[in-house]
Protein backbone atom coordinates (compact mmCIF):
# COMPACT_ATOMS: atom_id res chain seq x y z
CA UNK A 1 -2.49 6.74 1.46
CA UNK A 2 -4.70 9.87 2.11
CA UNK A 3 -6.87 9.71 -0.73
CA UNK A 4 -7.33 5.67 0.18
CA UNK A 5 -7.95 6.59 3.84
CA UNK A 6 -10.47 9.28 3.42
CA UNK A 7 -12.19 7.45 0.90
CA UNK A 8 -12.63 4.25 2.64
CA UNK A 9 -14.04 6.61 5.96
CA UNK A 10 -16.49 8.84 4.05
CA UNK A 11 -19.34 7.21 5.27
CA UNK A 12 -18.28 7.88 8.88
CA UNK A 13 -19.10 10.90 10.47
CA UNK A 14 -16.30 13.11 10.35
CA UNK A 15 -13.90 10.45 9.16
CA UNK A 16 -12.33 11.87 6.29
CA UNK A 17 -11.63 15.03 8.40
CA UNK A 18 -10.40 13.28 11.04
CA UNK A 19 -8.55 11.54 8.97
CA UNK A 20 -6.81 14.66 7.92
CA UNK A 21 -6.12 16.03 11.17
CA UNK A 22 -4.37 12.48 11.90
CA UNK A 23 -1.74 13.70 9.14
CA UNK A 24 -1.84 17.08 10.06
CA UNK A 25 -0.98 16.28 13.52
CA UNK A 26 2.14 14.08 12.54
CA UNK A 27 0.55 10.94 12.67
CA UNK A 28 1.72 9.89 9.37
CA UNK A 29 3.85 11.60 6.91
CA UNK A 30 2.65 12.59 3.48
CA UNK A 31 5.52 11.37 0.55
CA UNK A 32 5.19 13.37 -2.63
CA UNK A 33 5.30 11.83 -5.74
CA UNK A 34 8.23 12.65 -8.11
CA UNK A 35 8.15 11.85 -11.96
CA UNK A 36 10.42 8.71 -11.21
CA UNK A 37 7.89 7.42 -8.95
CA UNK A 38 4.99 8.50 -11.27
CA UNK A 39 6.77 6.41 -14.05
CA UNK A 40 7.14 3.50 -11.60
CA UNK A 41 3.44 3.55 -11.20
CA UNK A 42 2.52 4.09 -14.82
CA UNK A 43 4.48 0.63 -15.21
CA UNK A 44 2.73 -1.18 -12.48
CA UNK A 45 -0.60 0.08 -13.86
CA UNK A 46 0.26 -1.87 -17.20
CA UNK A 47 1.85 -4.63 -15.37
CA UNK A 48 -1.21 -5.51 -13.17
CA UNK A 49 -3.74 -4.00 -15.55
CA UNK A 50 -5.52 -7.68 -15.60
CA UNK A 51 -6.23 -7.36 -12.06
CA UNK A 52 -6.62 -4.06 -12.49
CA UNK A 53 -4.49 -2.19 -10.22
CA UNK A 54 -5.54 1.24 -9.17
CA UNK A 55 -3.42 4.34 -8.46
CA UNK A 56 -3.69 4.01 -4.81
CA UNK A 57 -2.50 0.45 -4.92
CA UNK A 58 0.51 1.39 -7.34
CA UNK A 59 1.45 4.29 -5.12
CA UNK A 60 1.88 1.65 -2.13
CA UNK A 61 3.95 -0.93 -4.20
CA UNK A 62 6.15 2.13 -5.27
CA UNK A 63 6.82 3.41 -1.74
CA UNK A 64 7.29 -0.16 -0.36
CA UNK A 65 10.00 -0.39 -3.08
CA UNK A 66 11.53 3.28 -2.51
CA UNK A 67 11.91 2.30 1.06
CA UNK A 68 12.90 -1.19 0.72
CA UNK A 69 10.22 -2.55 3.16
CA UNK A 70 7.88 -5.68 2.69
CA UNK A 71 5.40 -4.59 4.97
CA UNK A 72 1.95 -3.22 4.02
CA UNK A 73 -1.07 -2.27 6.03
CA UNK A 74 -3.98 -2.68 3.92
CA UNK A 75 -7.48 -4.57 3.69
CA UNK A 76 -6.78 -5.60 0.23
CA UNK A 77 -5.25 -8.84 0.83
CA UNK A 78 -6.20 -10.52 -2.65
CA UNK A 79 -4.44 -7.78 -4.65
CA UNK A 80 -1.21 -7.50 -2.39
CA UNK A 81 -0.97 -10.97 -2.08
CA UNK A 82 -0.43 -10.80 -5.80
CA UNK A 83 1.73 -7.80 -6.15
CA UNK A 84 5.40 -7.87 -6.03
CA UNK A 85 7.90 -5.67 -4.87
CA UNK A 86 10.72 -4.97 -7.60
CA UNK A 87 8.97 -7.85 -9.35
CA UNK A 88 10.00 -10.71 -6.73
CA UNK A 89 9.69 -10.44 -3.21
CA UNK A 90 6.03 -10.48 -1.61
CA UNK A 91 4.47 -8.45 0.73
CA UNK A 92 3.89 -8.91 4.31
CA UNK A 93 0.28 -7.92 4.83
CA UNK A 94 -0.84 -6.19 8.14
CA UNK A 95 -2.83 -6.69 10.08
CA UNK A 96 -2.28 -10.50 10.72
CA UNK A 97 -5.92 -11.87 10.26
CA UNK A 98 -6.79 -14.58 13.51
CA UNK A 99 -6.18 -18.22 12.73
CA UNK A 100 -3.66 -17.35 9.84
CA UNK A 101 -0.20 -18.49 10.17
CA UNK A 102 2.60 -16.24 8.82
CA UNK A 103 4.86 -18.29 6.39
CA UNK A 104 8.25 -19.01 8.26
CA UNK A 105 11.13 -16.46 6.87
CA UNK A 106 13.99 -18.33 4.97
CA UNK A 107 17.48 -17.47 6.54
CA UNK A 108 18.04 -15.88 3.16
CA UNK A 109 15.84 -12.70 3.47
């Protein structure tokens, strides 16, 4: 997440440094990778190789699986509309775009 955010802010004067400051000041938590999460990333990179999925996206999918959440904050609506959590559940992509209606949730989940 930090890698992707600093990349996106690279052309903003002071953007990468401000992003690092945000994490250092407790605005977000850095989650360390484990061998298990890295293996899952490798599986996802292979599974979605035709898109292709990049490592930053794979880490977000793995983190969502580990935290059991469907919510993702991203500007990559196209790919995250395709990715699945645990191979089954779709993401709820934030921020909600104006004029788009969020699908109604089923009673099962």
